[in-house]
Protein backbone atom coordinates (compact mmCIF):
# COMPACT_ATOMS: atom_id res chain seq x y z
CA MET A 1 -57.05 26.25 -34.30
CA LYS A 2 -53.79 27.15 -32.02
CA LEU A 3 -53.90 24.30 -29.66
CA PRO A 4 -54.04 21.33 -32.18
CA ASN A 5 -51.21 23.32 -33.97
CA ILE A 6 -49.20 23.29 -30.46
CA MET A 7 -50.52 19.75 -30.02
CA ILE A 8 -48.91 18.77 -33.17
CA LEU A 9 -45.76 20.71 -32.72
CA LEU A 10 -45.15 18.66 -29.29
CA ALA A 11 -45.80 15.66 -30.94
CA THR A 12 -43.34 16.23 -33.63
CA CYS A 13 -40.62 17.20 -31.05
CA MET A 14 -41.33 14.17 -29.36
CA ALA A 15 -40.91 11.63 -32.55
CA LEU A 16 -37.30 13.42 -33.34
CA ILE A 17 -35.74 12.99 -29.70
CA SER A 18 -37.06 9.37 -30.01
CA CYS A 19 -35.69 8.99 -32.92
CA GLY A 20 -32.63 10.03 -32.01
CA GLY A 21 -32.54 13.66 -31.68
CA ASP A 22 -30.90 13.55 -28.13
CA SER A 23 -28.11 11.35 -28.65
CA LYS A 24 -26.54 12.53 -25.90
CA VAL A 25 -28.79 11.77 -23.26
CA GLN A 26 -29.29 8.25 -24.92
CA ASP A 27 -25.57 7.26 -24.71
CA THR A 28 -25.36 8.49 -21.13
CA SER A 29 -28.24 6.88 -19.72
CA ALA A 30 -27.42 3.62 -21.90
CA GLN A 31 -23.47 3.97 -19.97
CA SER A 32 -25.00 4.29 -16.59
CA GLN A 33 -26.72 0.75 -17.38
CA GLN A 34 -23.52 -0.71 -18.84
CA THR A 35 -21.92 -3.87 -16.70
CA TYR A 36 -18.21 -4.33 -16.07
CA GLU A 37 -16.45 -7.18 -15.54
CA TRP A 38 -12.14 -6.68 -14.08
CA LYS A 39 -9.65 -8.58 -13.30
CA LEU A 40 -7.77 -7.25 -10.22
CA VAL A 41 -3.78 -8.95 -9.84
CA THR A 42 -1.61 -8.74 -6.37
CA SER A 43 1.40 -9.36 -4.77
CA TRP A 44 -0.26 -11.32 -1.80
CA PRO A 45 -1.65 -14.79 -1.43
CA LYS A 46 -4.73 -15.30 -2.00
CA ASN A 47 -7.14 -14.13 0.67
CA PHE A 48 -4.16 -13.47 3.27
CA PRO A 49 -4.85 -11.89 6.31
CA GLY A 50 -5.09 -8.12 6.12
CA LEU A 51 -3.19 -7.72 2.85
CA GLY A 52 -5.38 -10.33 0.86
CA LYS A 53 -8.30 -9.43 2.37
CA ALA A 54 -7.84 -5.92 1.60
CA PRO A 55 -8.31 -6.01 -2.37
CA GLU A 56 -11.52 -8.79 -1.75
CA THR A 57 -12.48 -5.98 0.68
CA PHE A 58 -12.54 -3.46 -2.10
CA ALA A 59 -14.51 -5.61 -4.58
CA THR A 60 -17.44 -6.45 -2.25
CA TYR A 61 -17.63 -2.59 -1.73
CA VAL A 62 -17.37 -2.15 -5.53
CA ASP A 63 -20.19 -4.70 -6.26
CA ARG A 64 -22.51 -2.78 -3.91
CA MET A 65 -22.34 0.45 -4.63
CA SER A 66 -22.53 -0.29 -8.02
CA ASN A 67 -25.39 -2.35 -7.46
CA GLY A 68 -23.57 -5.17 -9.74
CA ARG A 69 -22.57 -3.09 -12.69
CA LEU A 70 -18.67 -3.37 -11.88
CA LYS A 71 -17.36 -7.08 -10.86
CA ILE A 72 -13.96 -7.26 -9.90
CA LYS A 73 -12.12 -10.99 -9.20
CA VAL A 74 -9.49 -10.75 -7.52
CA PHE A 75 -6.18 -12.68 -8.30
CA GLY A 76 -3.80 -13.41 -5.74
CA ALA A 77 -0.02 -13.91 -6.33
CA GLY A 78 0.69 -16.44 -8.60
CA GLN A 79 -3.10 -17.10 -10.02
CA LEU A 80 -2.66 -14.94 -12.87
CA VAL A 81 1.05 -13.50 -12.63
CA ASP A 82 3.93 -13.68 -10.23
CA GLY A 83 3.82 -10.92 -7.24
CA PHE A 84 6.48 -8.70 -8.50
CA GLU A 85 4.56 -8.22 -11.79
CA VAL A 86 1.64 -6.63 -10.66
CA PHE A 87 2.57 -3.33 -12.32
CA ASP A 88 3.30 -4.30 -15.78
CA THR A 89 0.65 -6.48 -15.85
CA VAL A 90 -1.56 -3.14 -15.21
CA SER A 91 0.34 -0.74 -17.26
CA SER A 92 -0.40 -3.17 -20.05
CA GLY A 93 -4.15 -3.65 -19.65
CA THR A 94 -3.64 -7.80 -19.37
CA ALA A 95 -5.66 -6.43 -15.75
CA GLU A 96 -7.37 -3.65 -15.20
CA MET A 97 -6.07 -3.17 -12.08
CA GLY A 98 -3.86 -4.11 -8.99
CA HIS A 99 -2.90 -4.01 -5.36
CA ALA A 100 0.73 -4.09 -3.51
CA GLY A 101 3.75 -1.80 -2.53
CA SER A 102 4.61 0.46 -4.19
CA TYR A 103 7.86 0.18 -3.15
CA TYR A 104 8.60 -3.02 -5.15
CA TRP A 105 8.90 -1.01 -8.62
CA LYS A 106 11.65 0.89 -7.33
CA GLY A 107 13.87 -0.17 -10.62
CA LYS A 108 11.31 1.59 -12.82
CA ALA A 109 11.20 4.94 -10.47
CA PRO A 110 12.83 5.02 -7.55
CA ALA A 111 10.51 7.85 -6.00
CA ALA A 112 7.89 5.21 -5.91
CA GLN A 113 9.51 3.65 -2.60
CA ILE A 114 8.17 6.79 -0.83
CA PHE A 115 4.98 6.02 -1.33
CA THR A 116 5.16 2.90 0.77
CA ALA A 117 7.45 3.84 3.74
CA ILE A 118 10.48 6.20 3.98
CA PRO A 119 13.14 4.54 7.27
CA PHE A 120 12.17 6.78 10.19
CA GLY A 121 9.51 8.30 8.38
CA MET A 122 5.42 9.43 8.87
CA ASN A 123 3.13 6.62 10.61
CA ALA A 124 0.12 5.70 9.44
CA THR A 125 -1.83 8.78 10.50
CA GLU A 126 0.77 11.32 9.18
CA PHE A 127 1.00 9.82 6.14
CA ASN A 128 -2.53 9.56 5.27
CA GLY A 129 -2.33 13.27 5.93
CA TRP A 130 0.32 13.75 3.58
CA MET A 131 -1.70 11.89 0.64
CA HIS A 132 -4.96 13.32 0.72
CA TYR A 133 -3.90 17.42 2.10
CA GLY A 134 -0.37 18.10 1.68
CA GLY A 135 0.18 17.26 -2.16
CA GLY A 136 1.38 13.74 -1.91
CA MET A 137 -1.51 12.25 -4.30
CA GLU A 138 -1.14 14.83 -7.33
CA LEU A 139 2.51 13.88 -6.87
CA TRP A 140 2.19 9.92 -7.02
CA ARG A 141 -0.35 10.59 -10.12
CA GLU A 142 2.04 12.36 -11.90
CA LEU A 143 4.93 9.89 -11.17
CA TYR A 144 2.33 6.59 -12.52
CA ALA A 145 1.07 8.74 -15.23
CA PRO A 146 4.12 7.62 -18.20
CA PHE A 147 3.13 4.29 -16.81
CA ASN A 148 -0.40 4.49 -17.55
CA LEU A 149 -1.41 3.79 -14.66
CA ILE A 150 -3.38 5.90 -11.50
CA PRO A 151 -2.70 5.27 -8.54
CA PHE A 152 -4.62 5.17 -5.08
CA VAL A 153 -3.71 4.40 -1.33
CA GLY A 154 -4.90 0.57 -0.39
CA GLY A 155 -4.43 0.07 2.97
CA ASN A 156 -1.80 0.64 5.37
CA THR A 157 -0.19 -1.85 8.29
CA GLY A 158 0.71 0.55 11.12
CA VAL A 159 4.44 0.52 12.42
CA GLN A 160 5.49 -2.89 11.36
CA MET A 161 8.15 -4.96 13.50
CA ALA A 162 12.14 -4.92 12.56
CA GLY A 163 11.85 -8.65 11.89
CA TRP A 164 12.74 -12.41 12.56
CA PHE A 165 16.80 -13.37 13.39
CA LYS A 166 18.01 -16.23 13.56
CA LYS A 167 20.74 -14.99 15.42
CA GLU A 168 20.98 -12.48 18.10
CA ILE A 169 21.71 -8.62 17.25
CA ASN A 170 23.71 -7.23 19.64
CA SER A 171 25.88 -4.47 18.06
CA VAL A 172 26.15 -3.30 14.39
CA ASP A 173 28.61 -5.75 13.81
CA ASP A 174 25.70 -8.45 13.80
CA LEU A 175 24.42 -6.65 10.87
CA LYS A 176 27.79 -7.09 8.28
CA GLY A 177 27.08 -9.75 6.31
CA LEU A 178 23.47 -10.48 7.50
CA LYS A 179 21.22 -11.96 4.36
CA MET A 180 17.89 -10.27 5.00
CA ARG A 181 14.55 -10.07 2.94
CA ILE A 182 14.31 -6.66 3.45
CA PRO A 183 12.24 -4.63 0.43
CA GLY A 184 12.44 -0.56 -0.71
CA LEU A 185 14.69 1.88 0.99
CA GLY A 186 15.33 -0.17 3.93
CA ALA A 187 17.03 -2.72 1.94
CA GLU A 188 19.67 0.30 0.81
CA VAL A 189 20.45 1.00 4.56
CA LEU A 190 20.88 -2.81 5.57
CA LYS A 191 23.39 -2.40 2.73
CA LYS A 192 25.21 0.53 4.02
CA LEU A 193 25.77 -1.12 7.17
CA GLY A 194 27.35 -4.34 5.66
CA GLY A 195 24.01 -6.15 5.34
CA ILE A 196 22.53 -8.21 2.48
CA PRO A 197 19.17 -7.67 1.51
CA VAL A 198 17.33 -10.42 -0.56
CA ALA A 199 14.29 -9.38 -2.39
CA LEU A 200 11.55 -12.41 -1.93
CA THR A 201 7.54 -12.18 -1.83
CA GLY A 202 5.52 -13.02 0.77
CA GLY A 203 4.90 -16.72 -0.04
CA GLU A 204 8.56 -17.59 0.22
CA LEU A 205 9.60 -16.16 3.33
CA PHE A 206 9.08 -19.40 5.56
CA THR A 207 11.12 -22.16 3.37
CA SER A 208 13.95 -19.23 2.80
CA LEU A 209 14.24 -18.67 6.07
CA GLN A 210 13.75 -22.30 7.25
CA SER A 211 16.25 -23.85 4.98
CA GLY A 212 18.48 -21.18 5.85
CA ALA A 213 18.75 -19.25 2.54
CA ILE A 214 18.41 -15.96 4.53
CA ASP A 215 19.89 -14.91 7.88
CA ALA A 216 16.46 -12.95 8.72
CA THR A 217 13.23 -10.95 7.54
CA GLU A 218 11.00 -8.30 7.66
CA TRP A 219 7.50 -8.71 6.69
CA VAL A 220 4.94 -6.80 8.32
CA GLY A 221 3.81 -7.47 12.42
CA PRO A 222 2.50 -10.31 14.70
CA TYR A 223 -0.60 -10.65 12.72
CA ASN A 224 0.72 -11.42 9.45
CA ASP A 225 3.98 -13.00 11.08
CA MET A 226 2.26 -16.06 13.08
CA SER A 227 0.11 -16.78 10.00
CA PHE A 228 3.27 -17.67 7.68
CA GLY A 229 4.21 -19.35 11.09
CA LEU A 230 7.70 -17.50 10.79
CA HIS A 231 8.38 -18.47 14.48
CA LYS A 232 8.96 -21.48 13.77
CA ALA A 233 11.77 -20.44 11.62
CA ALA A 234 13.35 -18.00 13.69
CA LYS A 235 13.86 -17.78 17.44
CA TYR A 236 14.48 -13.76 17.52
CA TYR A 237 11.94 -11.38 17.14
CA TYR A 238 12.97 -7.71 17.30
CA TYR A 239 11.18 -4.33 17.33
CA SER A 240 10.31 -1.78 15.89
CA GLY A 241 9.59 -1.30 12.20
CA TRP A 242 12.52 1.88 11.68
CA HIS A 243 12.11 0.52 8.18
CA GLU A 244 8.06 0.95 7.32
CA PRO A 245 6.84 3.42 10.35
CA GLY A 246 3.83 2.92 8.79
CA ALA A 247 3.90 0.86 5.51
CA SER A 248 1.27 2.00 2.82
CA LEU A 249 -0.17 -0.36 0.27
CA GLU A 250 -1.24 0.84 -3.21
CA PHE A 251 -4.33 0.06 -6.00
CA MET A 252 -3.25 0.95 -9.24
CA VAL A 253 -5.68 1.22 -11.81
CA ASN A 254 -4.56 0.78 -15.50
CA LYS A 255 -6.03 4.78 -17.30
CA GLN A 256 -7.77 3.77 -19.92
CA ALA A 257 -10.03 1.03 -18.34
CA TYR A 258 -10.54 3.69 -15.39
CA GLU A 259 -11.49 6.32 -18.41
CA ALA A 260 -14.36 3.87 -19.56
CA LEU A 261 -15.85 4.01 -16.50
CA PRO A 262 -19.16 6.54 -16.31
CA LYS A 263 -18.23 9.19 -13.75
CA ASP A 264 -19.89 7.28 -11.14
CA LEU A 265 -18.44 4.06 -10.97
CA GLN A 266 -14.84 6.13 -10.95
CA ALA A 267 -16.33 7.61 -7.48
CA ILE A 268 -17.35 4.13 -6.29
CA ILE A 269 -13.70 3.30 -6.97
CA GLU A 270 -12.14 6.65 -5.55
CA VAL A 271 -14.66 5.63 -2.28
CA ALA A 272 -14.29 2.13 -1.66
CA THR A 273 -10.06 2.58 -1.93
CA ARG A 274 -10.43 5.57 0.92
CA ALA A 275 -12.73 2.67 2.94
CA VAL A 276 -10.42 -0.30 2.51
CA ASN A 277 -7.52 2.36 3.37
CA GLN A 278 -8.95 2.64 6.76
CA ASP A 279 -10.33 -0.51 7.25
CA MET A 280 -7.38 -2.09 6.57
CA LEU A 281 -5.43 0.23 9.62
CA ASP A 282 -8.70 -0.90 11.90
CA GLU A 283 -7.77 -4.31 11.61
CA TYR A 284 -3.93 -4.31 11.81
CA THR A 285 -4.49 -2.44 14.96
CA ALA A 286 -6.74 -4.95 16.51
CA ALA A 287 -5.75 -8.11 15.19
CA ASN A 288 -1.84 -7.34 16.00
CA ASN A 289 -2.77 -7.07 19.65
CA SER A 290 -3.82 -10.71 19.82
CA ALA A 291 -1.45 -12.42 18.01
CA MET A 292 1.46 -10.61 19.83
CA GLN A 293 -0.11 -12.20 22.78
CA ALA A 294 -0.15 -15.42 21.27
CA LEU A 295 3.32 -15.42 20.16
CA VAL A 296 4.98 -14.41 23.50
CA GLU A 297 2.54 -16.68 25.55
CA THR A 298 1.98 -20.00 23.87
CA HIS A 299 4.61 -19.68 20.72
CA SER A 300 7.14 -18.44 23.57
CA VAL A 301 8.87 -16.43 21.20
CA ASP A 302 11.85 -13.95 22.16
CA MET A 303 10.65 -10.68 21.41
CA ARG A 304 12.84 -7.78 22.72
CA PRO A 305 13.94 -4.08 20.74
CA LEU A 306 17.10 -3.62 18.58
CA PRO A 307 19.91 -1.98 21.04
CA LYS A 308 19.88 1.57 20.47
CA ASP A 309 23.29 1.92 19.41
CA VAL A 310 22.08 -0.18 16.85
CA MET A 311 18.90 2.03 15.68
CA ASN A 312 21.06 4.90 16.10
CA ALA A 313 23.25 3.32 13.48
CA LEU A 314 20.18 2.55 11.06
CA ARG A 315 18.77 6.42 11.75
CA GLN A 316 22.54 7.49 10.71
CA ALA A 317 22.19 5.52 7.59
CA SER A 318 18.98 6.13 6.77
CA SER A 319 19.75 9.54 6.51
CA GLU A 320 22.35 9.16 4.08
CA VAL A 321 20.62 6.92 2.15
CA MET A 322 17.96 9.64 1.41
CA GLN A 323 20.05 12.13 0.38
CA GLU A 324 21.65 9.74 -1.81
CA GLN A 325 18.46 8.97 -2.86
CA ALA A 326 17.78 12.66 -3.83
CA ALA A 327 20.76 13.70 -4.94
CA ALA A 328 20.56 10.61 -7.87
CA ASP A 329 17.17 11.22 -9.10
CA PRO A 330 15.47 14.55 -9.27
CA ILE A 331 11.76 13.43 -9.39
CA PHE A 332 12.64 11.59 -6.37
CA ALA A 333 14.03 14.56 -4.45
CA LYS A 334 11.35 16.32 -5.15
CA VAL A 335 8.59 14.13 -3.76
CA TYR A 336 10.66 13.51 -1.01
CA ALA A 337 11.20 17.48 -0.22
CA SER A 338 7.37 17.62 -0.19
CA TYR A 339 7.00 14.68 1.79
CA LYS A 340 9.89 16.03 4.42
CA LYS A 341 8.16 19.22 4.68
CA PHE A 342 5.11 17.33 5.85
CA GLN A 343 6.59 15.38 8.21
CA ASP A 344 8.88 18.24 9.94
CA SER A 345 5.30 20.13 10.26
CA VAL A 346 3.24 17.13 11.70
CA GLN A 347 5.87 15.64 13.83
CA ASN A 348 6.09 19.13 15.47
CA TYR A 349 2.42 18.91 16.44
CA HIS A 350 2.58 15.62 17.67
CA ARG A 351 5.27 16.09 20.21
CA ILE A 352 2.71 18.01 21.83
CA SER A 353 -0.26 15.99 21.16
CA GLU A 354 0.18 12.40 20.51
CA MET A 355 3.57 11.81 22.44
CA GLU A 356 2.77 14.06 25.15
CA TYR A 357 -0.75 11.81 25.61
CA TYR A 358 1.23 9.00 25.60
CA LYS A 359 3.08 9.93 28.60
CA ASN A 360 0.48 11.27 30.22
CA ARG A 361 -1.75 8.41 29.91
CA ASP A 362 1.16 5.86 30.94
CA GLY A 363 1.85 8.24 33.88
CA GLU A 364 5.80 8.48 33.05
């Protein structure tokens, strides 16, 4: 008689479970099968090499890893919103994600500029080390929290070029009155030396340079600059990119949208951003080489270094700008202190590792 009674008890328990006795398990199962459709707005032209390719690659990775449960539609600058409206669009939840450069948002949070690049600051390898193992990411998320945003690294272009100039730069005096498209902290440095920084999105650069609305522009490097045809609008191409020694891009996610996802999809977003971050640097490392060769050999571009006295003046002005920015904003000061501490440490190591290796490899 005992065996039948046990069987009846087990049957009763199973019936209760099937009727909702373990709703938590059921809800988790249902959530794991739910599909999501997100919009991702960017500050770049649709499918633009490097910068515009990164969000497309990200969307593909997420689709594959989630087995189609999270679909992300990418919008280039101007398709849904202007390139400078990405921050507000994601913050409000009109789009769930964005891809841009954090220095565009200096008017909202001055310290945001640090998470793209600091003049004469860290290169891509050093910056990624600070972000993921030196406390940078925690500070970035603290900075964006009041705006309802969660930031992730979103790619790095490596050391950029100083830019395209319609006239020669032979001395610091040649920077005075120069109208140049340059964003972020680099713009403040140019202003300190008498230049006139101009804010423009990528799609406006060629026509503005060609028409004379600006005298010079920085963008990225040979790969992207040739794609925009900037060599057709300015004669002189200067290096190196003192203002952006390792320009980092960002993915930003609306907080409510992110928290509504199951944990596995959240993890997929995190892993996909890390993958795209490295993928972009790899792409630029490969593509800049061939593009530079084409600019010089095919298009006869006059490529030259900035004069040493100009570079020294830029370095000094950069130091002054960083001190002024830190004095004006306590959050900027907090983030910059962390950044500078990591940079001082890592560059000491790189002097005896990377730099010495380059000298030995080149036979200097």
